[in-house]
Amino acid sequence: MRHLRKKNRLSLPADQRKAVLRTMANSFFKSGEIKTTLGRARALQREIEYLITLAKRGDIHARRQAAAFLYEKDVVKKLFNETVGNFKTKKGGYTRLIKTLPRRGDAAPTAILQLVN
């Protein structure tokens, strides 16, 4: 059965999971890439793709939806003004997930999530 398979739960309660993803999304849009565990990168990739699709729409409602998810206003401005310019003609696949070596302390699988240019 496919119950509870829609989202990656990250072994966190819903409020903590949302806070982690929001913080990581802010960091991602500031720098253009982020290095994290593979599970978190996959969960974040889904949110990033959705936010870029909102930015491509570009209307005020899309801007407010993005601002409701992202913490910082300057990140929302950067998303709608700079980041989305590279993806106006692209219909998806805005990010790339590169698997890297396991983390040294606990051997957790890590990955780099970056924008495709």
PDB file of N, CA and C in Angstrom:
ATOM      1  N   MET A   1       0.834  -1.184   0.000  1.00  0.00           N
ATOM      2  CA  MET A   1       0.000   0.000   0.000  1.00  0.00           C
ATOM      3  C   MET A   1       0.876   1.244   0.000  1.00  0.00           C
ATOM      4  N   ARG A   2       0.316   2.332  -0.426  1.00  0.00           N
ATOM      5  CA  ARG A   2       1.092   3.556  -0.549  1.00  0.00           C
ATOM      6  C   ARG A   2       0.747   4.579   0.521  1.00  0.00           C
ATOM      7  N   HIS A   3       0.173   4.179   1.622  1.00  0.00           N
ATOM      8  CA  HIS A   3      -0.173   5.127   2.671  1.00  0.00           C
ATOM      9  C   HIS A   3       1.086   5.785   3.249  1.00  0.00           C
ATOM     10  N   LEU A   4       0.998   7.078   3.503  1.00  0.00           N
ATOM     11  CA  LEU A   4       2.074   7.868   4.112  1.00  0.00           C
ATOM     12  C   LEU A   4       3.364   7.868   3.303  1.00  0.00           C
ATOM     13  N   ARG A   5       3.288   7.662   2.016  1.00  0.00           N
ATOM     14  CA  ARG A   5       4.479   7.604   1.184  1.00  0.00           C
ATOM     15  C   ARG A   5       4.677   8.886   0.382  1.00  0.00           C
ATOM     16  N   LYS A   6       3.802   9.845   0.534  1.00  0.00           N
ATOM     17  CA  LYS A   6       3.865  11.013  -0.326  1.00  0.00           C
ATOM     18  C   LYS A   6       5.039  11.932   0.007  1.00  0.00           C
ATOM     19  N   LYS A   7       5.312  12.157   1.281  1.00  0.00           N
ATOM     20  CA  LYS A   7       6.385  13.062   1.681  1.00  0.00           C
ATOM     21  C   LYS A   7       7.453  12.312   2.458  1.00  0.00           C
ATOM     22  N   ASN A   8       8.658  12.832   2.363  1.00  0.00           N
ATOM     23  CA  ASN A   8       9.741  12.307   3.173  1.00  0.00           C
ATOM     24  C   ASN A   8       9.600  12.895   4.570  1.00  0.00           C
ATOM     25  N   ARG A   9       9.431  12.048   5.580  1.00  0.00           N
ATOM     26  CA  ARG A   9       9.094  12.522   6.911  1.00  0.00           C
ATOM     27  C   ARG A   9      10.321  12.946   7.722  1.00  0.00           C
ATOM     28  N   LEU A  10      11.501  12.539   7.337  1.00  0.00           N
ATOM     29  CA  LEU A  10      12.761  12.966   7.950  1.00  0.00           C
ATOM     30  C   LEU A  10      12.859  12.660   9.446  1.00  0.00           C
ATOM     31  N   SER A  11      12.048  11.758   9.950  1.00  0.00           N
ATOM     32  CA  SER A  11      12.041  11.376  11.373  1.00  0.00           C
ATOM     33  C   SER A  11      11.828  12.580  12.285  1.00  0.00           C
ATOM     34  N   LEU A  12      10.979  13.502  11.864  1.00  0.00           N
ATOM     35  CA  LEU A  12      10.697  14.711  12.627  1.00  0.00           C
ATOM     36  C   LEU A  12       9.192  14.945  12.681  1.00  0.00           C
ATOM     37  N   PRO A  13       8.722  15.593  13.751  1.00  0.00           N
ATOM     38  CA  PRO A  13       7.320  16.034  13.755  1.00  0.00           C
ATOM     39  C   PRO A  13       7.090  17.066  12.645  1.00  0.00           C
ATOM     40  N   ALA A  14       5.852  17.249  12.264  1.00  0.00           N
ATOM     41  CA  ALA A  14       5.530  18.084  11.107  1.00  0.00           C
ATOM     42  C   ALA A  14       6.039  19.517  11.257  1.00  0.00           C
ATOM     43  N   ASP A  15       5.896  20.110  12.447  1.00  0.00           N
ATOM     44  CA  ASP A  15       6.327  21.499  12.609  1.00  0.00           C
ATOM     45  C   ASP A  15       7.841  21.635  12.512  1.00  0.00           C
ATOM     46  N   GLN A  16       8.572  20.685  13.074  1.00  0.00           N
ATOM     47  CA  GLN A  16      10.033  20.729  12.996  1.00  0.00           C
ATOM     48  C   GLN A  16      10.511  20.458  11.571  1.00  0.00           C
ATOM     49  N   ARG A  17       9.853  19.529  10.882  1.00  0.00           N
ATOM     50  CA  ARG A  17      10.219  19.217   9.500  1.00  0.00           C
ATOM     51  C   ARG A  17      10.027  20.447   8.624  1.00  0.00           C
ATOM     52  N   LYS A  18       8.905  21.142   8.805  1.00  0.00           N
ATOM     53  CA  LYS A  18       8.645  22.336   8.011  1.00  0.00           C
ATOM     54  C   LYS A  18       9.670  23.430   8.311  1.00  0.00           C
ATOM     55  N   ALA A  19      10.035  23.591   9.576  1.00  0.00           N
ATOM     56  CA  ALA A  19      11.024  24.605   9.947  1.00  0.00           C
ATOM     57  C   ALA A  19      12.391  24.292   9.344  1.00  0.00           C
ATOM     58  N   VAL A  20      12.786  23.026   9.364  1.00  0.00           N
ATOM     59  CA  VAL A  20      14.075  22.624   8.779  1.00  0.00           C
ATOM     60  C   VAL A  20      14.082  22.919   7.286  1.00  0.00           C
ATOM     61  N   LEU A  21      13.009  22.556   6.590  1.00  0.00           N
ATOM     62  CA  LEU A  21      12.959  22.763   5.144  1.00  0.00           C
ATOM     63  C   LEU A  21      12.913  24.250   4.789  1.00  0.00           C
ATOM     64  N   ARG A  22      12.214  25.050   5.592  1.00  0.00           N
ATOM     65  CA  ARG A  22      12.162  26.485   5.323  1.00  0.00           C
ATOM     66  C   ARG A  22      13.535  27.125   5.502  1.00  0.00           C
ATOM     67  N   THR A  23      14.235  26.748   6.558  1.00  0.00           N
ATOM     68  CA  THR A  23      15.568  27.290   6.812  1.00  0.00           C
ATOM     69  C   THR A  23      16.543  26.875   5.717  1.00  0.00           C
ATOM     70  N   MET A  24      16.468  25.611   5.318  1.00  0.00           N
ATOM     71  CA  MET A  24      17.357  25.130   4.264  1.00  0.00           C
ATOM     72  C   MET A  24      17.039  25.793   2.928  1.00  0.00           C
ATOM     73  N   ALA A  25      15.773  26.054   2.645  1.00  0.00           N
ATOM     74  CA  ALA A  25      15.396  26.724   1.401  1.00  0.00           C
ATOM     75  C   ALA A  25      15.949  28.147   1.369  1.00  0.00           C
ATOM     76  N   ASN A  26      15.893  28.844   2.499  1.00  0.00           N
ATOM     77  CA  ASN A  26      16.478  30.186   2.564  1.00  0.00           C
ATOM     78  C   ASN A  26      17.973  30.142   2.284  1.00  0.00           C
ATOM     79  N   SER A  27      18.667  29.202   2.903  1.00  0.00           N
ATOM     80  CA  SER A  27      20.109  29.071   2.682  1.00  0.00           C
ATOM     81  C   SER A  27      20.409  28.699   1.235  1.00  0.00           C
ATOM     82  N   PHE A  28      19.574  27.844   0.666  1.00  0.00           N
ATOM     83  CA  PHE A  28      19.783  27.410  -0.713  1.00  0.00           C
ATOM     84  C   PHE A  28      19.674  28.585  -1.682  1.00  0.00           C
ATOM     85  N   PHE A  29      18.639  29.396  -1.540  1.00  0.00           N
ATOM     86  CA  PHE A  29      18.459  30.501  -2.476  1.00  0.00           C
ATOM     87  C   PHE A  29      19.489  31.605  -2.274  1.00  0.00           C
ATOM     88  N   LYS A  30      20.055  31.727  -1.084  1.00  0.00           N
ATOM     89  CA  LYS A  30      21.112  32.710  -0.863  1.00  0.00           C
ATOM     90  C   LYS A  30      22.388  32.327  -1.599  1.00  0.00           C
ATOM     91  N   SER A  31      22.749  31.034  -1.560  1.00  0.00           N
ATOM     92  CA  SER A  31      24.037  30.617  -2.103  1.00  0.00           C
ATOM     93  C   SER A  31      23.941  29.881  -3.434  1.00  0.00           C
ATOM     94  N   GLY A  32      22.790  29.343  -3.780  1.00  0.00           N
ATOM     95  CA  GLY A  32      22.658  28.612  -5.035  1.00  0.00           C
ATOM     96  C   GLY A  32      22.910  27.128  -4.908  1.00  0.00           C
ATOM     97  N   GLU A  33      23.430  26.685  -3.775  1.00  0.00           N
ATOM     98  CA  GLU A  33      23.621  25.256  -3.528  1.00  0.00           C
ATOM     99  C   GLU A  33      23.701  25.011  -2.031  1.00  0.00           C
ATOM    100  N   ILE A  34      23.508  23.747  -1.650  1.00  0.00           N
ATOM    101  CA  ILE A  34      23.559  23.378  -0.242  1.00  0.00           C
ATOM    102  C   ILE A  34      24.018  21.933  -0.142  1.00  0.00           C
ATOM    103  N   LYS A  35      24.840  21.654   0.879  1.00  0.00           N
ATOM    104  CA  LYS A  35      25.300  20.294   1.130  1.00  0.00           C
ATOM    105  C   LYS A  35      24.625  19.794   2.401  1.00  0.00           C
ATOM    106  N   THR A  36      23.944  18.656   2.297  1.00  0.00           N
ATOM    107  CA  THR A  36      23.188  18.112   3.416  1.00  0.00           C
ATOM    108  C   THR A  36      23.055  16.602   3.239  1.00  0.00           C
ATOM    109  N   THR A  37      22.298  15.971   4.117  1.00  0.00           N
ATOM    110  CA  THR A  37      22.091  14.531   3.976  1.00  0.00           C
ATOM    111  C   THR A  37      21.192  14.263   2.774  1.00  0.00           C
ATOM    112  N   LEU A  38      21.246  13.048   2.283  1.00  0.00           N
ATOM    113  CA  LEU A  38      20.517  12.694   1.071  1.00  0.00           C
ATOM    114  C   LEU A  38      19.008  12.805   1.265  1.00  0.00           C
ATOM    115  N   GLY A  39      18.502  12.357   2.397  1.00  0.00           N
ATOM    116  CA  GLY A  39      17.063  12.436   2.644  1.00  0.00           C
ATOM    117  C   GLY A  39      16.565  13.864   2.702  1.00  0.00           C
ATOM    118  N   ARG A  40      17.305  14.724   3.383  1.00  0.00           N
ATOM    119  CA  ARG A  40      16.919  16.131   3.466  1.00  0.00           C
ATOM    120  C   ARG A  40      17.030  16.804   2.105  1.00  0.00           C
ATOM    121  N   ALA A  41      18.033  16.440   1.332  1.00  0.00           N
ATOM    122  CA  ALA A  41      18.195  17.033   0.005  1.00  0.00           C
ATOM    123  C   ALA A  41      17.028  16.660  -0.901  1.00  0.00           C
ATOM    124  N   ARG A  42      16.576  15.411  -0.816  1.00  0.00           N
ATOM    125  CA  ARG A  42      15.441  14.993  -1.644  1.00  0.00           C
ATOM    126  C   ARG A  42      14.158  15.698  -1.229  1.00  0.00           C
ATOM    127  N   ALA A  43      13.955  15.859   0.072  1.00  0.00           N
ATOM    128  CA  ALA A  43      12.767  16.566   0.549  1.00  0.00           C
ATOM    129  C   ALA A  43      12.832  18.043   0.163  1.00  0.00           C
ATOM    130  N   LEU A  44      14.016  18.635   0.257  1.00  0.00           N
ATOM    131  CA  LEU A  44      14.187  20.041  -0.086  1.00  0.00           C
ATOM    132  C   LEU A  44      14.026  20.272  -1.583  1.00  0.00           C
ATOM    133  N   GLN A  45      14.472  19.330  -2.386  1.00  0.00           N
ATOM    134  CA  GLN A  45      14.394  19.472  -3.835  1.00  0.00           C
ATOM    135  C   GLN A  45      12.944  19.668  -4.283  1.00  0.00           C
ATOM    136  N   ARG A  46      12.049  18.939  -3.673  1.00  0.00           N
ATOM    137  CA  ARG A  46      10.634  19.059  -4.013  1.00  0.00           C
ATOM    138  C   ARG A  46      10.112  20.466  -3.713  1.00  0.00           C
ATOM    139  N   GLU A  47      10.478  21.011  -2.565  1.00  0.00           N
ATOM    140  CA  GLU A  47      10.023  22.350  -2.190  1.00  0.00           C
ATOM    141  C   GLU A  47      10.643  23.424  -3.088  1.00  0.00           C
ATOM    142  N   ILE A  48      11.920  23.261  -3.417  1.00  0.00           N
ATOM    143  CA  ILE A  48      12.615  24.229  -4.271  1.00  0.00           C
ATOM    144  C   ILE A  48      11.976  24.279  -5.654  1.00  0.00           C
ATOM    145  N   GLU A  49      11.687  23.111  -6.224  1.00  0.00           N
ATOM    146  CA  GLU A  49      11.064  23.054  -7.549  1.00  0.00           C
ATOM    147  C   GLU A  49       9.716  23.779  -7.528  1.00  0.00           C
ATOM    148  N   TYR A  50       8.948  23.580  -6.468  1.00  0.00           N
ATOM    149  CA  TYR A  50       7.649  24.236  -6.350  1.00  0.00           C
ATOM    150  C   TYR A  50       7.807  25.753  -6.241  1.00  0.00           C
ATOM    151  N   LEU A  51       8.776  26.213  -5.457  1.00  0.00           N
ATOM    152  CA  LEU A  51       8.980  27.654  -5.292  1.00  0.00           C
ATOM    153  C   LEU A  51       9.429  28.314  -6.597  1.00  0.00           C
ATOM    154  N   ILE A  52      10.264  27.638  -7.368  1.00  0.00           N
ATOM    155  CA  ILE A  52      10.701  28.203  -8.650  1.00  0.00           C
ATOM    156  C   ILE A  52       9.530  28.252  -9.627  1.00  0.00           C
ATOM    157  N   THR A  53       8.666  27.244  -9.590  1.00  0.00           N
ATOM    158  CA  THR A  53       7.476  27.265 -10.433  1.00  0.00           C
ATOM    159  C   THR A  53       6.563  28.425 -10.049  1.00  0.00           C
ATOM    160  N   LEU A  54       6.429  28.691  -8.753  1.00  0.00           N
ATOM    161  CA  LEU A  54       5.664  29.863  -8.313  1.00  0.00           C
ATOM    162  C   LEU A  54       6.290  31.150  -8.845  1.00  0.00           C
ATOM    163  N   ALA A  55       7.608  31.241  -8.770  1.00  0.00           N
ATOM    164  CA  ALA A  55       8.300  32.446  -9.223  1.00  0.00           C
ATOM    165  C   ALA A  55       8.142  32.641 -10.730  1.00  0.00           C
ATOM    166  N   LYS A  56       8.070  31.552 -11.471  1.00  0.00           N
ATOM    167  CA  LYS A  56       7.854  31.668 -12.911  1.00  0.00           C
ATOM    168  C   LYS A  56       6.484  32.254 -13.211  1.00  0.00           C
ATOM    169  N   ARG A  57       5.501  31.925 -12.377  1.00  0.00           N
ATOM    170  CA  ARG A  57       4.165  32.493 -12.555  1.00  0.00           C
ATOM    171  C   ARG A  57       4.208  34.005 -12.370  1.00  0.00           C
ATOM    172  N   GLY A  58       4.875  34.448 -11.318  1.00  0.00           N
ATOM    173  CA  GLY A  58       5.211  35.854 -11.160  1.00  0.00           C
ATOM    174  C   GLY A  58       4.122  36.793 -10.691  1.00  0.00           C
ATOM    175  N   ASP A  59       2.903  36.330 -10.466  1.00  0.00           N
ATOM    176  CA  ASP A  59       1.856  37.247 -10.021  1.00  0.00           C
ATOM    177  C   ASP A  59       1.954  37.489  -8.513  1.00  0.00           C
ATOM    178  N   ILE A  60       1.105  38.364  -8.009  1.00  0.00           N
ATOM    179  CA  ILE A  60       1.201  38.758  -6.602  1.00  0.00           C
ATOM    180  C   ILE A  60       0.831  37.605  -5.676  1.00  0.00           C
ATOM    181  N   HIS A  61      -0.119  36.779  -6.102  1.00  0.00           N
ATOM    182  CA  HIS A  61      -0.507  35.640  -5.262  1.00  0.00           C
ATOM    183  C   HIS A  61       0.647  34.643  -5.134  1.00  0.00           C
ATOM    184  N   ALA A  62       1.362  34.413  -6.227  1.00  0.00           N
ATOM    185  CA  ALA A  62       2.517  33.510  -6.182  1.00  0.00           C
ATOM    186  C   ALA A  62       3.604  34.079  -5.275  1.00  0.00           C
ATOM    187  N   ARG A  63       3.799  35.387  -5.328  1.00  0.00           N
ATOM    188  CA  ARG A  63       4.800  36.030  -4.474  1.00  0.00           C
ATOM    189  C   ARG A  63       4.430  35.887  -3.000  1.00  0.00           C
ATOM    190  N   ARG A  64       3.150  36.018  -2.691  1.00  0.00           N
ATOM    191  CA  ARG A  64       2.708  35.872  -1.305  1.00  0.00           C
ATOM    192  C   ARG A  64       2.818  34.432  -0.829  1.00  0.00           C
ATOM    193  N   GLN A  65       2.543  33.479  -1.710  1.00  0.00           N
ATOM    194  CA  GLN A  65       2.699  32.073  -1.338  1.00  0.00           C
ATOM    195  C   GLN A  65       4.162  31.753  -1.048  1.00  0.00           C
ATOM    196  N   ALA A  66       5.068  32.268  -1.867  1.00  0.00           N
ATOM    197  CA  ALA A  66       6.495  32.043  -1.641  1.00  0.00           C
ATOM    198  C   ALA A  66       6.947  32.726  -0.351  1.00  0.00           C
ATOM    199  N   ALA A  67       6.438  33.921  -0.089  1.00  0.00           N
ATOM    200  CA  ALA A  67       6.807  34.641   1.129  1.00  0.00           C
ATOM    201  C   ALA A  67       6.281  33.936   2.372  1.00  0.00           C
ATOM    202  N   ALA A  68       5.175  33.215   2.247  1.00  0.00           N
ATOM    203  CA  ALA A  68       4.643  32.465   3.381  1.00  0.00           C
ATOM    204  C   ALA A  68       5.539  31.284   3.731  1.00  0.00           C
ATOM    205  N   PHE A  69       6.262  30.758   2.752  1.00  0.00           N
ATOM    206  CA  PHE A  69       7.149  29.622   3.018  1.00  0.00           C
ATOM    207  C   PHE A  69       8.543  30.080   3.417  1.00  0.00           C
ATOM    208  N   LEU A  70       9.077  31.068   2.716  1.00  0.00           N
ATOM    209  CA  LEU A  70      10.431  31.547   2.987  1.00  0.00           C
ATOM    210  C   LEU A  70      10.403  32.575   4.110  1.00  0.00           C
ATOM    211  N   TYR A  71      11.438  32.611   4.908  1.00  0.00           N
ATOM    212  CA  TYR A  71      11.482  33.493   6.064  1.00  0.00           C
ATOM    213  C   TYR A  71      11.814  34.940   5.707  1.00  0.00           C
ATOM    214  N   GLU A  72      12.678  35.151   4.744  1.00  0.00           N
ATOM    215  CA  GLU A  72      13.264  36.470   4.537  1.00  0.00           C
ATOM    216  C   GLU A  72      12.772  37.114   3.246  1.00  0.00           C
ATOM    217  N   LYS A  73      12.474  38.404   3.322  1.00  0.00           N
ATOM    218  CA  LYS A  73      11.952  39.124   2.164  1.00  0.00           C
ATOM    219  C   LYS A  73      12.991  39.262   1.061  1.00  0.00           C
ATOM    220  N   ASP A  74      14.256  39.445   1.444  1.00  0.00           N
ATOM    221  CA  ASP A  74      15.283  39.600   0.418  1.00  0.00           C
ATOM    222  C   ASP A  74      15.483  38.310  -0.368  1.00  0.00           C
ATOM    223  N   VAL A  75      15.244  37.169   0.250  1.00  0.00           N
ATOM    224  CA  VAL A  75      15.339  35.888  -0.459  1.00  0.00           C
ATOM    225  C   VAL A  75      14.198  35.770  -1.462  1.00  0.00           C
ATOM    226  N   VAL A  76      13.010  36.229  -1.089  1.00  0.00           N
ATOM    227  CA  VAL A  76      11.865  36.201  -2.008  1.00  0.00           C
ATOM    228  C   VAL A  76      12.139  37.109  -3.203  1.00  0.00           C
ATOM    229  N   LYS A  77      12.697  38.294  -2.944  1.00  0.00           N
ATOM    230  CA  LYS A  77      13.030  39.212  -4.037  1.00  0.00           C
ATOM    231  C   LYS A  77      14.062  38.594  -4.973  1.00  0.00           C
ATOM    232  N   LYS A  78      15.082  37.958  -4.398  1.00  0.00           N
ATOM    233  CA  LYS A  78      16.114  37.328  -5.220  1.00  0.00           C
ATOM    234  C   LYS A  78      15.523  36.198  -6.054  1.00  0.00           C
ATOM    235  N   LEU A  79      14.627  35.416  -5.458  1.00  0.00           N
ATOM    236  CA  LEU A  79      13.989  34.315  -6.181  1.00  0.00           C
ATOM    237  C   LEU A  79      13.191  34.837  -7.363  1.00  0.00           C
ATOM    238  N   PHE A  80      12.389  35.869  -7.161  1.00  0.00           N
ATOM    239  CA  PHE A  80      11.506  36.351  -8.217  1.00  0.00           C
ATOM    240  C   PHE A  80      12.231  37.213  -9.248  1.00  0.00           C
ATOM    241  N   ASN A  81      13.316  37.886  -8.870  1.00  0.00           N
ATOM    242  CA  ASN A  81      13.987  38.794  -9.796  1.00  0.00           C
ATOM    243  C   ASN A  81      15.190  38.169 -10.494  1.00  0.00           C
ATOM    244  N   GLU A  82      16.009  37.408  -9.770  1.00  0.00           N
ATOM    245  CA  GLU A  82      17.254  36.898 -10.339  1.00  0.00           C
ATOM    246  C   GLU A  82      17.178  35.420 -10.708  1.00  0.00           C
ATOM    247  N   THR A  83      16.771  34.597  -9.762  1.00  0.00           N
ATOM    248  CA  THR A  83      16.838  33.150  -9.954  1.00  0.00           C
ATOM    249  C   THR A  83      15.926  32.681 -11.071  1.00  0.00           C
ATOM    250  N   VAL A  84      14.730  33.209 -11.137  1.00  0.00           N
ATOM    251  CA  VAL A  84      13.746  32.713 -12.094  1.00  0.00           C
ATOM    252  C   VAL A  84      14.102  33.080 -13.535  1.00  0.00           C
ATOM    253  N   GLY A  85      14.964  34.062 -13.735  1.00  0.00           N
ATOM    254  CA  GLY A  85      15.333  34.476 -15.082  1.00  0.00           C
ATOM    255  C   GLY A  85      15.978  33.377 -15.906  1.00  0.00           C
ATOM    256  N   ASN A  86      16.686  32.472 -15.250  1.00  0.00           N
ATOM    257  CA  ASN A  86      17.358  31.392 -15.967  1.00  0.00           C
ATOM    258  C   ASN A  86      16.405  30.284 -16.395  1.00  0.00           C
ATOM    259  N   PHE A  87      15.200  30.260 -15.839  1.00  0.00           N
ATOM    260  CA  PHE A  87      14.315  29.117 -16.037  1.00  0.00           C
ATOM    261  C   PHE A  87      12.999  29.481 -16.712  1.00  0.00           C
ATOM    262  N   LYS A  88      12.908  30.621 -17.371  1.00  0.00           N
ATOM    263  CA  LYS A  88      11.647  31.043 -17.981  1.00  0.00           C
ATOM    264  C   LYS A  88      11.145  30.048 -19.023  1.00  0.00           C
ATOM    265  N   THR A  89      12.034  29.447 -19.799  1.00  0.00           N
ATOM    266  CA  THR A  89      11.598  28.526 -20.849  1.00  0.00           C
ATOM    267  C   THR A  89      11.649  27.069 -20.418  1.00  0.00           C
ATOM    268  N   LYS A  90      12.219  26.794 -19.266  1.00  0.00           N
ATOM    269  CA  LYS A  90      12.359  25.412 -18.796  1.00  0.00           C
ATOM    270  C   LYS A  90      11.084  24.984 -18.076  1.00  0.00           C
ATOM    271  N   LYS A  91      10.652  23.737 -18.269  1.00  0.00           N
ATOM    272  CA  LYS A  91       9.389  23.276 -17.699  1.00  0.00           C
ATOM    273  C   LYS A  91       9.555  22.442 -16.451  1.00  0.00           C
ATOM    274  N   GLY A  92      10.734  22.349 -15.921  1.00  0.00           N
ATOM    275  CA  GLY A  92      10.960  21.569 -14.709  1.00  0.00           C
ATOM    276  C   GLY A  92      12.418  21.166 -14.645  1.00  0.00           C
ATOM    277  N   GLY A  93      12.784  20.466 -13.590  1.00  0.00           N
ATOM    278  CA  GLY A  93      14.168  20.034 -13.455  1.00  0.00           C
ATOM    279  C   GLY A  93      15.109  21.196 -13.223  1.00  0.00           C
ATOM    280  N   TYR A  94      14.753  22.067 -12.290  1.00  0.00           N
ATOM    281  CA  TYR A  94      15.551  23.258 -12.039  1.00  0.00           C
ATOM    282  C   TYR A  94      16.748  22.982 -11.141  1.00  0.00           C
ATOM    283  N   THR A  95      16.758  21.839 -10.469  1.00  0.00           N
ATOM    284  CA  THR A  95      17.830  21.522  -9.530  1.00  0.00           C
ATOM    285  C   THR A  95      18.511  20.217  -9.906  1.00  0.00           C
ATOM    286  N   ARG A  96      19.726  20.078  -9.410  1.00  0.00           N
ATOM    287  CA  ARG A  96      20.537  18.882  -9.644  1.00  0.00           C
ATOM    288  C   ARG A  96      20.954  18.344  -8.284  1.00  0.00           C
ATOM    289  N   LEU A  97      20.863  17.020  -8.114  1.00  0.00           N
ATOM    290  CA  LEU A  97      21.239  16.364  -6.868  1.00  0.00           C
ATOM    291  C   LEU A  97      22.470  15.506  -7.138  1.00  0.00           C
ATOM    292  N   ILE A  98      23.580  15.841  -6.491  1.00  0.00           N
ATOM    293  CA  ILE A  98      24.839  15.125  -6.688  1.00  0.00           C
ATOM    294  C   ILE A  98      25.183  14.401  -5.396  1.00  0.00           C
ATOM    295  N   LYS A  99      25.262  13.085  -5.455  1.00  0.00           N
ATOM    296  CA  LYS A  99      25.621  12.314  -4.268  1.00  0.00           C
ATOM    297  C   LYS A  99      27.113  12.467  -4.004  1.00  0.00           C
ATOM    298  N   THR A 100      27.466  12.618  -2.725  1.00  0.00           N
ATOM    299  CA  THR A 100      28.863  12.776  -2.331  1.00  0.00           C
ATOM    300  C   THR A 100      29.236  11.689  -1.332  1.00  0.00           C
ATOM    301  N   LEU A 101      30.456  11.765  -0.824  1.00  0.00           N
ATOM    302  CA  LEU A 101      30.929  10.764   0.129  1.00  0.00           C
ATOM    303  C   LEU A 101      30.122  10.813   1.423  1.00  0.00           C
ATOM    304  N   PRO A 102      30.037   9.700   2.136  1.00  0.00           N
ATOM    305  CA  PRO A 102      29.309   9.694   3.415  1.00  0.00           C
ATOM    306  C   PRO A 102      29.949  10.647   4.420  1.00  0.00           C
ATOM    307  N   ARG A 103      29.124  11.150   5.321  1.00  0.00           N
ATOM    308  CA  ARG A 103      29.595  12.059   6.357  1.00  0.00           C
ATOM    309  C   ARG A 103      30.542  11.318   7.287  1.00  0.00           C
ATOM    310  N   ARG A 104      31.573  12.005   7.751  1.00  0.00           N
ATOM    311  CA  ARG A 104      32.643  11.350   8.493  1.00  0.00           C
ATOM    312  C   ARG A 104      32.200  10.848   9.868  1.00  0.00           C
ATOM    313  N   GLY A 105      31.390  11.598  10.570  1.00  0.00           N
ATOM    314  CA  GLY A 105      31.039  11.233  11.939  1.00  0.00           C
ATOM    315  C   GLY A 105      30.142  10.021  12.054  1.00  0.00           C
ATOM    316  N   ASP A 106      29.104   9.948  11.200  1.00  0.00           N
ATOM    317  CA  ASP A 106      28.134   8.870  11.344  1.00  0.00           C
ATOM    318  C   ASP A 106      27.874   8.114  10.046  1.00  0.00           C
ATOM    319  N   ALA A 107      28.641   8.383   9.014  1.00  0.00           N
ATOM    320  CA  ALA A 107      28.533   7.706   7.719  1.00  0.00           C
ATOM    321  C   ALA A 107      27.166   7.903   7.072  1.00  0.00           C
ATOM    322  N   ALA A 108      26.508   9.022   7.377  1.00  0.00           N
ATOM    323  CA  ALA A 108      25.232   9.321   6.732  1.00  0.00           C
ATOM    324  C   ALA A 108      25.491   9.708   5.277  1.00  0.00           C
ATOM    325  N   PRO A 109      24.674   9.220   4.350  1.00  0.00           N
ATOM    326  CA  PRO A 109      24.871   9.595   2.942  1.00  0.00           C
ATOM    327  C   PRO A 109      24.590  11.085   2.751  1.00  0.00           C
ATOM    328  N   THR A 110      25.473  11.772   2.061  1.00  0.00           N
ATOM    329  CA  THR A 110      25.320  13.208   1.845  1.00  0.00           C
ATOM    330  C   THR A 110      25.169  13.502   0.363  1.00  0.00           C
ATOM    331  N   ALA A 111      24.680  14.704   0.072  1.00  0.00           N
ATOM    332  CA  ALA A 111      24.477  15.114  -1.310  1.00  0.00           C
ATOM    333  C   ALA A 111      24.574  16.630  -1.395  1.00  0.00           C
ATOM    334  N   ILE A 112      24.864  17.103  -2.592  1.00  0.00           N
ATOM    335  CA  ILE A 112      24.866  18.531  -2.884  1.00  0.00           C
ATOM    336  C   ILE A 112      23.675  18.805  -3.791  1.00  0.00           C
ATOM    337  N   LEU A 113      22.854  19.753  -3.389  1.00  0.00           N
ATOM    338  CA  LEU A 113      21.714  20.187  -4.191  1.00  0.00           C
ATOM    339  C   LEU A 113      22.064  21.546  -4.766  1.00  0.00           C
ATOM    340  N   GLN A 114      22.005  21.678  -6.096  1.00  0.00           N
ATOM    341  CA  GLN A 114      22.379  22.941  -6.718  1.00  0.00           C
ATOM    342  C   GLN A 114      21.446  23.270  -7.872  1.00  0.00           C
ATOM    343  N   LEU A 115      21.413  24.538  -8.225  1.00  0.00           N
ATOM    344  CA  LEU A 115      20.609  24.984  -9.351  1.00  0.00           C
ATOM    345  C   LEU A 115      21.272  24.587 -10.657  1.00  0.00           C
ATOM    346  N   VAL A 116      20.475  24.223 -11.630  1.00  0.00           N
ATOM    347  CA  VAL A 116      20.973  23.920 -12.965  1.00  0.00           C
ATOM    348  C   VAL A 116      20.996  25.231 -13.739  1.00  0.00           C
ATOM    349  N   ASN A 117      22.115  25.571 -14.350  1.00  0.00           N
ATOM    350  CA  ASN A 117      22.203  26.826 -15.108  1.00  0.00           C
ATOM    351  C   ASN A 117      22.265  26.558 -16.581  1.00  0.00           C
TER     352      ASN A 117
END
